[in-house]
Amino acid sequence: MVHQYKLNGCNIVLDTCSGSVHVVDAVAYDIIALYPEKSGEEIISAMLEKYKDRPDVTREELLSCLEDVKALKDAGKLFTQDTFEPMAFDFKNHHPVVKALCLHVAHTCNLNCSYCFASQGNYQGERALMSFEVGKRALDFLVENSGSRVNLEVDFFGGEPLMNWDVVKELVAYARALEAPRKKKFRFTLTTNGMLLDRDVIDFANREMHNVVLSLDGRKEIHDRLRVDFAGRGSYDRIVPKFQELVESRRGQDYYIRGTFTHANPDFTKDVFHMAELGFRQLSMEPVVCAPDDPAALTEEDLPIVLEQYEILAKEMLKREKEGRGFTFYHYMLDLTHGPCIYKRISGCGSGTEYMAVTPWGDLYPCHQFVGEEAYKLGDVWQGVVNTALRDEFNSCNAYARPECTDCWAKLYCSGGCAANAYHSSGSIKGIYAYGCQLFRKRIECAIMMKAVQAGLGPAEA
């Protein structure tokens, strides 16, 4: 499958199945578009007519271009056939090891964000803190089900995990004690709203946390609109200095500032640029996940604005990079040469199989976005996965499992998309979140364009 698009002066041709990216001039771009349907003579006639005012577009040049296109096709770099579908359904008989857990150490929060998918931290259930005993058993479950895999990942999540900080520290110490005898290595992530961030947390995180995710929605007026405490007071002024202190102490590495944009700020690039001006360089800005009737939900009217914002962001990032003040945007991190293997590109994040969420009571769910949905309970950390049919359903949920993905050029970049978003949008993990698909495709187009420009391949001739 071939996808062609023009962006920022680049004429880009993506051969989806080989992963080849070609930045070409306008004539070659048009020839490639006609190549599957027209004969060589038909293409030459069409090009001579379209470019009749360009003396450099001659029959000889067109024949040479046609030969180049054929050579790329013969080399498996253009019009490559999709031979990956059989691999996707091998997963039905494949039971991967568990490699990562999201530990919900706190089903409670000290903020009252109205758009929170976790219902202000309690996931539509009781407020609770995970005990050390439950967390310890969760770590044992991870080790026991990790097979020969050495590197294991644990995310301390909530609610707000700093509301159960002593247990977090105890669990890290317990995991470290397991490493040598069990021949494992743990990598920890802490996700926090920052309200309880202090020197003790910063020092411990710098010693033990491979990554820290910090929640900030951008401009003060945007952040304080929704990220408020239970008295209705905004949190921006209280957390930004703490985030700056933490990032400085980590030498600007191994963290993410993660924001959420909503109907209130479809012009989210202003918030991304604001965070960059605050000195943050590792940035992420996610579209809100909420019910369609929620006032925060993105609308169809927002869509063209948001799509344009992604282009604005990509162009500005290239400009700032040249000026020596660049920053990273999570969704534009794309490795075109040493990226994920084909199995990973087909299967995706591994939710419900390689990755699971653990509630304060030790219940297992496919990921944090399914917690509280009783139909999606997999088991618990004592018995393990008992709902094997559900695990198998997630095991076969991949880039080829959704009919809507059949003709989508981006399916090997999104792996079929987020199962949780699909479920909340369509009622099935094998459905799609159509709005999110449009955003994802635009982000990939922007990321590929940026890679092309950074490699000196564009802009191509207009």
Protein backbone atom coordinates (compact mmCIF):
# COMPACT_ATOMS: atom_id res chain seq x y z
CA MET A 1 0.00 0.00 0.00
CA VAL A 2 1.28 3.46 -0.93
CA HIS A 3 0.29 6.68 0.82
CA GLN A 4 1.11 10.05 -0.77
CA TYR A 5 0.78 13.48 0.76
CA LYS A 6 2.21 16.99 0.57
CA LEU A 7 3.30 18.83 3.68
CA ASN A 8 5.64 21.75 4.38
CA GLY A 9 6.91 21.79 0.81
CA CYS A 10 7.65 18.05 0.81
CA ASN A 11 6.12 15.59 -1.65
CA ILE A 12 6.13 12.43 0.41
CA VAL A 13 5.50 8.88 -0.76
CA LEU A 14 5.23 6.21 1.95
CA ASP A 15 5.36 2.55 1.06
CA THR A 16 3.50 1.20 4.08
CA CYS A 17 4.58 -2.43 4.11
CA SER A 18 8.28 -1.91 3.46
CA GLY A 19 8.42 1.23 5.58
CA SER A 20 10.24 3.07 2.78
CA VAL A 21 9.82 6.84 2.65
CA HIS A 22 10.50 8.70 -0.59
CA VAL A 23 10.69 12.49 -0.88
CA VAL A 24 10.31 13.30 -4.57
CA ASP A 25 9.75 16.18 -6.96
CA ALA A 26 6.28 17.06 -8.22
CA VAL A 27 6.60 15.12 -11.47
CA ALA A 28 7.73 11.89 -9.81
CA TYR A 29 4.96 12.35 -7.23
CA ASP A 30 2.35 12.47 -9.99
CA ILE A 31 3.88 9.55 -11.87
CA ILE A 32 3.76 7.36 -8.76
CA ALA A 33 0.10 8.27 -8.24
CA LEU A 34 -0.74 7.07 -11.77
CA TYR A 35 1.60 4.10 -11.88
CA PRO A 36 -0.74 1.36 -10.56
CA GLU A 37 -3.60 2.21 -12.94
CA LYS A 38 -2.03 3.53 -16.15
CA SER A 39 0.37 2.22 -18.78
CA GLY A 40 3.72 3.88 -19.31
CA GLU A 41 2.54 5.65 -22.45
CA GLU A 42 -0.61 6.88 -20.72
CA ILE A 43 1.47 8.29 -17.87
CA ILE A 44 3.87 10.04 -20.25
CA SER A 45 0.99 11.62 -22.19
CA ALA A 46 -0.66 12.82 -18.98
CA MET A 47 2.59 14.30 -17.66
CA LEU A 48 3.48 16.06 -20.91
CA GLU A 49 0.04 17.65 -20.91
CA LYS A 50 0.11 18.67 -17.25
CA TYR A 51 3.65 20.07 -17.43
CA LYS A 52 3.53 21.49 -20.95
CA ASP A 53 4.82 24.82 -19.68
CA ARG A 54 7.95 23.19 -18.24
CA PRO A 55 10.63 22.61 -20.89
CA ASP A 56 12.59 20.33 -18.54
CA VAL A 57 9.77 17.76 -18.48
CA THR A 58 10.62 15.79 -21.61
CA ARG A 59 9.72 12.33 -22.82
CA GLU A 60 13.26 11.16 -22.05
CA GLU A 61 13.10 12.47 -18.48
CA LEU A 62 9.71 10.83 -17.96
CA LEU A 63 10.98 7.49 -19.27
CA SER A 64 13.91 7.72 -16.87
CA CYS A 65 11.56 8.45 -13.97
CA LEU A 66 9.38 5.49 -14.92
CA GLU A 67 12.45 3.27 -14.88
CA ASP A 68 13.33 4.55 -11.40
CA VAL A 69 9.83 3.79 -10.14
CA LYS A 70 10.01 0.28 -11.57
CA ALA A 71 13.43 -0.25 -9.97
CA LEU A 72 12.03 0.77 -6.58
CA LYS A 73 9.11 -1.59 -7.04
CA ASP A 74 11.41 -4.45 -8.03
CA ALA A 75 13.59 -3.73 -4.99
CA GLY A 76 10.60 -4.00 -2.63
CA LYS A 77 10.59 -0.31 -1.75
CA LEU A 78 7.43 0.76 -3.57
CA PHE A 79 4.04 -0.89 -4.11
CA THR A 80 5.11 -3.68 -1.75
CA GLN A 81 2.53 -6.38 -1.15
CA ASP A 82 1.19 -6.87 2.38
CA THR A 83 2.42 -10.28 3.50
CA PHE A 84 2.04 -9.66 7.23
CA GLU A 85 -1.59 -10.69 7.81
CA PRO A 86 -0.78 -14.39 8.47
CA MET A 87 1.60 -13.31 11.23
CA ALA A 88 -1.20 -11.42 12.96
CA PHE A 89 -3.33 -14.46 13.46
CA ASP A 90 -0.46 -16.57 14.72
CA PHE A 91 -0.97 -14.54 17.90
CA LYS A 92 -4.12 -16.55 18.67
CA ASN A 93 -1.86 -19.44 19.67
CA HIS A 94 0.77 -17.25 21.30
CA HIS A 95 0.76 -16.49 25.03
CA PRO A 96 3.35 -13.81 25.72
CA VAL A 97 4.93 -13.31 29.10
CA VAL A 98 3.91 -10.44 31.35
CA LYS A 99 6.53 -7.71 31.19
CA ALA A 100 4.88 -4.64 32.73
CA LEU A 101 2.39 -3.67 35.42
CA CYS A 102 0.59 -0.43 36.15
CA LEU A 103 0.22 -0.41 39.94
CA HIS A 104 -2.75 1.66 41.07
CA VAL A 105 -1.29 2.44 44.45
CA ALA A 106 -3.92 5.11 45.10
CA HIS A 107 -7.54 5.15 44.03
CA THR A 108 -7.89 8.63 45.38
CA CYS A 109 -6.65 12.05 44.35
CA ASN A 110 -6.08 15.51 45.78
CA LEU A 111 -7.31 17.15 42.58
CA ASN A 112 -10.84 17.20 41.19
CA CYS A 113 -10.33 17.35 37.41
CA SER A 114 -13.72 17.11 35.76
CA TYR A 115 -12.40 15.45 32.59
CA CYS A 116 -10.58 12.68 34.51
CA PHE A 117 -11.18 9.29 32.89
CA ALA A 118 -10.57 7.78 36.34
CA SER A 119 -13.50 9.68 37.91
CA GLN A 120 -11.27 11.87 40.06
CA GLY A 121 -9.09 8.91 40.92
CA ASN A 122 -11.57 6.38 42.30
CA TYR A 123 -12.45 4.73 38.96
CA GLN A 124 -16.17 4.92 39.76
CA GLY A 125 -15.64 2.81 42.88
CA GLU A 126 -14.41 3.16 46.43
CA ARG A 127 -11.46 5.32 47.33
CA ALA A 128 -8.58 3.16 48.49
CA LEU A 129 -4.83 2.91 48.94
CA MET A 130 -2.87 -0.19 47.94
CA SER A 131 -1.31 -1.99 50.88
CA PHE A 132 2.31 -3.11 50.81
CA GLU A 133 1.11 -6.73 50.95
CA VAL A 134 -0.98 -6.34 47.78
CA GLY A 135 1.80 -4.49 45.97
CA LYS A 136 4.35 -7.09 47.05
CA ARG A 137 2.17 -9.87 45.69
CA ALA A 138 1.75 -7.91 42.43
CA LEU A 139 5.52 -7.73 42.01
CA ASP A 140 5.79 -11.46 42.73
CA PHE A 141 3.08 -12.10 40.12
CA LEU A 142 5.06 -10.07 37.58
CA VAL A 143 8.27 -11.98 38.24
CA GLU A 144 6.50 -15.36 38.21
CA ASN A 145 4.82 -14.64 34.88
CA SER A 146 7.74 -12.95 33.12
CA GLY A 147 9.38 -16.14 31.86
CA SER A 148 12.96 -15.60 30.78
CA ARG A 149 12.48 -11.88 30.27
CA VAL A 150 15.00 -9.89 32.31
CA ASN A 151 13.78 -6.28 32.04
CA LEU A 152 10.46 -5.60 33.78
CA GLU A 153 8.56 -2.33 34.04
CA VAL A 154 6.34 -0.96 36.78
CA ASP A 155 4.38 2.30 36.67
CA PHE A 156 3.21 3.79 39.96
CA PHE A 157 -0.15 5.26 39.06
CA GLY A 158 -3.38 6.56 40.51
CA GLY A 159 -5.38 8.59 41.29
CA GLU A 160 -2.39 10.29 42.77
CA PRO A 161 0.37 7.84 43.79
CA LEU A 162 2.12 10.33 46.04
CA MET A 163 -0.83 9.96 48.42
CA ASN A 164 0.60 6.49 49.15
CA TRP A 165 4.26 7.42 48.93
CA ASP A 166 5.60 5.29 51.77
CA VAL A 167 4.20 2.16 50.13
CA VAL A 168 5.75 3.17 46.81
CA LYS A 169 9.16 3.38 48.46
CA GLU A 170 8.67 0.03 50.22
CA LEU A 171 7.68 -1.64 46.95
CA VAL A 172 10.73 -0.27 45.14
CA ALA A 173 12.97 -1.63 47.90
CA TYR A 174 11.25 -5.03 47.69
CA ALA A 175 11.65 -5.14 43.89
CA ARG A 176 15.33 -4.26 44.15
CA ALA A 177 15.78 -7.16 46.59
CA LEU A 178 14.28 -9.50 43.98
CA GLU A 179 16.58 -8.47 41.16
CA ALA A 180 19.74 -10.47 41.89
CA PRO A 181 18.19 -13.75 43.09
CA ARG A 182 15.55 -13.78 40.35
CA LYS A 183 17.83 -12.41 37.63
CA LYS A 184 15.51 -9.51 36.84
CA LYS A 185 15.91 -5.76 36.41
CA PHE A 186 13.09 -3.35 37.27
CA ARG A 187 12.47 -0.01 35.59
CA PHE A 188 10.06 2.24 37.46
CA THR A 189 7.91 5.14 36.30
CA LEU A 190 6.06 7.59 38.51
CA THR A 191 3.04 9.49 37.19
CA THR A 192 2.03 12.45 39.35
CA ASN A 193 0.04 15.67 39.39
CA GLY A 194 2.82 17.25 41.44
CA MET A 195 0.77 18.58 44.33
CA LEU A 196 2.73 16.56 46.92
CA LEU A 197 6.07 16.79 45.19
CA ASP A 198 8.83 17.68 47.66
CA ARG A 199 12.57 17.18 48.11
CA ASP A 200 12.15 13.65 49.44
CA VAL A 201 10.12 12.62 46.38
CA ILE A 202 12.54 14.33 44.00
CA ASP A 203 15.62 12.70 45.55
CA PHE A 204 14.02 9.26 45.61
CA ALA A 205 12.72 9.60 42.05
CA ASN A 206 16.16 10.62 40.85
CA ARG A 207 17.64 7.49 42.41
CA GLU A 208 14.99 4.97 41.50
CA MET A 209 12.59 6.16 38.79
CA HIS A 210 13.62 5.52 35.21
CA ASN A 211 11.00 8.04 34.11
CA VAL A 212 8.68 10.58 35.73
CA VAL A 213 5.47 11.74 34.06
CA LEU A 214 4.25 15.16 35.23
CA SER A 215 0.73 16.40 34.51
CA LEU A 216 0.50 19.96 33.19
CA ASP A 217 -2.05 21.20 30.66
CA GLY A 218 -0.12 24.24 29.47
CA ARG A 219 -1.08 27.88 29.91
CA LYS A 220 -2.20 28.86 33.41
CA GLU A 221 -5.71 29.78 32.28
CA ILE A 222 -6.10 26.46 30.46
CA HIS A 223 -4.57 24.33 33.20
CA ASP A 224 -6.53 26.02 35.99
CA ARG A 225 -9.80 25.70 34.09
CA LEU A 226 -10.05 21.98 34.83
CA ARG A 227 -7.13 20.87 37.00
CA VAL A 228 -8.46 22.17 40.30
CA ASP A 229 -8.53 20.98 43.89
CA PHE A 230 -11.71 20.14 45.76
CA ALA A 231 -12.10 23.80 46.74
CA GLY A 232 -12.10 24.75 43.07
CA ARG A 233 -8.66 26.38 43.13
CA GLY A 234 -6.31 25.95 40.21
CA SER A 235 -3.08 24.03 40.73
CA TYR A 236 -0.76 25.70 38.17
CA ASP A 237 1.09 28.03 40.55
CA ARG A 238 1.62 25.27 43.07
CA ILE A 239 3.06 22.64 40.72
CA VAL A 240 5.06 24.47 38.04
CA PRO A 241 7.96 25.51 40.33
CA LYS A 242 8.12 21.95 41.67
CA PHE A 243 8.20 20.50 38.16
CA GLN A 244 10.99 22.90 37.21
CA GLU A 245 12.97 21.87 40.28
CA LEU A 246 12.55 18.18 39.51
CA VAL A 247 13.47 18.54 35.83
CA GLU A 248 16.55 20.59 36.67
CA SER A 249 17.64 18.01 39.25
CA ARG A 250 17.29 15.27 36.59
CA ARG A 251 19.45 17.35 34.21
CA GLY A 252 16.54 17.61 31.81
CA GLN A 253 16.42 13.86 31.17
CA ASP A 254 14.04 10.97 31.78
CA TYR A 255 10.79 12.81 32.32
CA TYR A 256 7.71 13.87 30.40
CA ILE A 257 5.44 16.81 30.86
CA ARG A 258 2.10 15.33 29.84
CA GLY A 259 -0.85 17.57 29.05
CA THR A 260 -4.43 16.99 27.95
CA PHE A 261 -6.20 19.25 25.46
CA THR A 262 -9.96 19.57 25.32
CA HIS A 263 -12.73 21.48 23.58
CA ALA A 264 -11.54 24.51 25.57
CA ASN A 265 -8.15 24.56 23.81
CA PRO A 266 -8.11 22.90 20.38
CA ASP A 267 -5.33 25.44 19.70
CA PHE A 268 -3.16 23.28 21.95
CA THR A 269 0.11 24.29 20.32
CA LYS A 270 -0.03 27.47 22.38
CA ASP A 271 0.09 25.25 25.45
CA VAL A 272 2.94 23.13 24.09
CA PHE A 273 4.95 26.26 23.29
CA HIS A 274 4.16 27.69 26.73
CA MET A 275 5.54 24.56 28.39
CA ALA A 276 8.66 24.82 26.24
CA GLU A 277 9.08 28.45 27.33
CA LEU A 278 8.93 27.25 30.96
CA GLY A 279 12.09 25.26 30.23
CA PHE A 280 10.52 21.85 29.67
CA ARG A 281 11.87 19.91 26.68
CA GLN A 282 10.23 16.46 26.89
CA LEU A 283 6.59 17.14 26.07
CA SER A 284 3.41 15.25 25.37
CA MET A 285 -0.08 16.61 24.72
CA GLU A 286 -2.93 14.12 24.47
CA PRO A 287 -6.50 14.56 23.23
CA VAL A 288 -9.02 14.21 26.04
CA VAL A 289 -10.69 10.82 26.59
CA CYS A 290 -14.22 11.36 27.84
CA ALA A 291 -17.88 10.82 27.00
CA PRO A 292 -19.10 12.60 23.84
CA ASP A 293 -21.59 14.65 25.85
CA ASP A 294 -18.93 15.87 28.28
CA PRO A 295 -18.32 19.64 27.90
CA ALA A 296 -14.60 18.89 27.56
CA ALA A 297 -15.07 16.48 24.64
CA LEU A 298 -13.56 17.39 21.29
CA THR A 299 -16.17 18.03 18.60
CA GLU A 300 -16.28 17.65 14.83
CA GLU A 301 -15.93 21.42 14.63
CA ASP A 302 -12.66 21.14 16.57
CA LEU A 303 -11.20 18.55 14.19
CA PRO A 304 -9.86 20.82 11.41
CA ILE A 305 -8.39 23.13 14.05
CA VAL A 306 -6.61 20.25 15.78
CA LEU A 307 -5.28 18.81 12.52
CA GLU A 308 -3.88 22.20 11.58
CA GLN A 309 -2.30 22.51 15.02
CA TYR A 310 -0.29 19.35 14.47
CA GLU A 311 1.15 20.86 11.29
CA ILE A 312 1.89 24.15 13.05
CA LEU A 313 3.63 22.24 15.82
CA ALA A 314 5.81 20.20 13.43
CA LYS A 315 6.94 23.27 11.48
CA GLU A 316 7.68 25.25 14.62
CA MET A 317 9.65 22.36 16.12
CA LEU A 318 11.86 22.24 13.02
CA LYS A 319 12.39 26.00 13.25
CA ARG A 320 13.28 25.87 16.94
CA GLU A 321 15.62 22.95 16.39
CA LYS A 322 17.61 25.06 13.91
CA GLU A 323 17.70 27.89 16.44
CA GLY A 324 19.13 25.60 19.12
CA ARG A 325 16.04 25.60 21.32
CA GLY A 326 14.37 22.40 20.18
CA PHE A 327 12.18 20.09 22.21
CA THR A 328 10.75 16.60 21.94
CA PHE A 329 7.07 15.88 21.30
CA TYR A 330 6.09 12.33 22.23
CA HIS A 331 3.87 11.67 19.20
CA TYR A 332 6.55 12.79 16.76
CA MET A 333 9.14 10.34 18.08
CA LEU A 334 9.45 8.04 15.09
CA ASP A 335 12.40 5.79 14.25
CA LEU A 336 12.24 5.02 10.53
CA THR A 337 15.40 2.89 10.46
CA HIS A 338 15.53 0.95 13.74
CA GLY A 339 11.92 1.07 14.88
CA PRO A 340 9.77 -1.72 16.35
CA CYS A 341 9.94 -5.17 14.73
CA ILE A 342 7.01 -6.26 12.59
CA TYR A 343 5.48 -8.39 15.34
CA LYS A 344 5.39 -5.39 17.66
CA ARG A 345 3.97 -3.19 14.90
CA ILE A 346 1.19 -5.70 14.38
CA SER A 347 0.38 -6.44 18.02
CA GLY A 348 0.69 -3.00 19.62
CA CYS A 349 0.98 -2.15 23.31
CA GLY A 350 0.29 -5.63 24.70
CA SER A 351 -2.56 -4.58 26.98
CA GLY A 352 -4.29 -7.58 28.54
CA THR A 353 -1.39 -9.88 27.75
CA GLU A 354 2.09 -8.39 28.28
CA TYR A 355 0.83 -5.37 30.22
CA MET A 356 -1.83 -5.22 32.95
CA ALA A 357 -3.15 -2.85 35.58
CA VAL A 358 -3.48 -3.80 39.26
CA THR A 359 -6.08 -2.19 41.51
CA PRO A 360 -5.51 -1.46 45.22
CA TRP A 361 -7.28 -4.77 45.94
CA GLY A 362 -5.07 -6.76 43.60
CA ASP A 363 -7.53 -7.18 40.73
CA LEU A 364 -6.04 -7.44 37.25
CA TYR A 365 -7.35 -5.44 34.28
CA PRO A 366 -6.02 -5.15 30.70
CA CYS A 367 -4.85 -1.58 31.30
CA HIS A 368 -5.60 1.46 33.45
CA GLN A 369 -8.41 2.60 31.14
CA PHE A 370 -10.39 -0.59 31.76
CA VAL A 371 -10.17 -0.48 35.56
CA GLY A 372 -13.67 -0.44 37.05
CA GLU A 373 -15.22 -2.21 34.04
CA GLU A 374 -16.15 -5.50 35.72
CA ALA A 375 -16.59 -7.30 32.40
CA TYR A 376 -12.91 -6.64 31.75
CA LYS A 377 -11.53 -8.06 34.98
CA LEU A 378 -8.88 -10.66 34.09
CA GLY A 379 -8.29 -12.11 37.54
CA ASP A 380 -6.14 -11.09 40.47
CA VAL A 381 -2.53 -11.21 41.57
CA TRP A 382 -3.08 -14.32 43.71
CA GLN A 383 -4.88 -16.54 41.20
CA GLY A 384 -3.44 -14.93 38.09
CA VAL A 385 -5.42 -14.59 34.88
CA VAL A 386 -8.58 -16.68 35.22
CA ASN A 387 -10.56 -15.01 32.45
CA THR A 388 -8.45 -16.63 29.75
CA ALA A 389 -11.07 -16.00 27.06
CA LEU A 390 -10.70 -12.25 27.62
CA ARG A 391 -6.92 -12.51 27.57
CA ASP A 392 -7.15 -14.43 24.29
CA GLU A 393 -9.42 -11.74 22.87
CA PHE A 394 -6.79 -9.11 23.65
CA ASN A 395 -4.11 -11.44 22.31
CA SER A 396 -5.79 -11.45 18.91
CA CYS A 397 -6.53 -7.72 18.94
CA ASN A 398 -4.11 -6.31 16.39
CA ALA A 399 -3.68 -4.26 13.24
CA TYR A 400 -5.51 -6.90 11.18
CA ALA A 401 -8.37 -7.61 13.60
CA ARG A 402 -10.49 -4.60 12.65
CA PRO A 403 -12.23 -4.46 9.25
CA GLU A 404 -12.01 -0.66 9.30
CA CYS A 405 -8.21 -0.93 9.30
CA THR A 406 -7.96 -3.05 6.15
CA ASP A 407 -7.26 -0.18 3.77
CA CYS A 408 -5.64 2.20 6.24
CA TRP A 409 -2.06 3.15 5.40
CA ALA A 410 -1.25 3.85 9.06
CA LYS A 411 -2.18 0.48 10.57
CA LEU A 412 1.43 -0.66 10.99
CA TYR A 413 2.18 2.54 12.91
CA CYS A 414 -0.80 2.40 15.29
CA SER A 415 -1.13 -1.42 15.40
CA GLY A 416 -4.88 -1.02 15.04
CA GLY A 417 -5.16 1.67 17.70
CA CYS A 418 -5.91 1.76 21.42
CA ALA A 419 -8.24 -1.05 22.55
CA ALA A 420 -9.60 1.09 25.38
CA ASN A 421 -10.42 4.01 23.10
CA ALA A 422 -12.07 1.58 20.68
CA TYR A 423 -14.14 0.07 23.47
CA HIS A 424 -15.28 3.41 24.86
CA SER A 425 -16.11 4.65 21.38
CA SER A 426 -17.68 1.57 19.78
CA GLY A 427 -18.40 -0.86 22.61
CA SER A 428 -15.85 -3.36 21.32
CA ILE A 429 -12.07 -3.61 21.67
CA LYS A 430 -12.04 -4.62 18.00
CA GLY A 431 -13.85 -1.48 16.94
CA ILE A 432 -12.18 1.84 16.21
CA TYR A 433 -12.20 5.35 17.61
CA ALA A 434 -12.66 7.11 14.26
CA TYR A 435 -11.91 10.62 15.58
CA GLY A 436 -8.69 9.39 17.14
CA CYS A 437 -7.73 7.64 13.88
CA GLN A 438 -7.79 10.96 12.05
CA LEU A 439 -5.58 12.56 14.68
CA PHE A 440 -3.15 9.66 14.63
CA ARG A 441 -2.77 9.72 10.84
CA LYS A 442 -2.02 13.43 10.90
CA ARG A 443 0.59 12.97 13.63
CA ILE A 444 2.37 10.26 11.64
CA GLU A 445 2.34 12.43 8.51
CA CYS A 446 3.90 15.26 10.49
CA ALA A 447 6.49 12.98 12.12
CA ILE A 448 7.58 11.52 8.78
CA MET A 449 7.83 14.98 7.24
CA MET A 450 10.03 16.12 10.12
CA LYS A 451 12.33 13.13 9.66
CA ALA A 452 12.59 13.89 5.94
CA VAL A 453 13.52 17.53 6.56
CA GLN A 454 15.99 16.60 9.31
CA ALA A 455 17.63 14.15 6.90
CA GLY A 456 18.04 16.91 4.33
CA LEU A 457 15.54 15.33 1.94
CA GLY A 458 13.08 18.20 1.71
CA PRO A 459 11.40 20.36 0.93
CA ALA A 460 11.21 18.85 -2.51
CA GLU A 461 10.60 20.82 -5.71
CA ALA A 462 7.13 22.35 -5.60
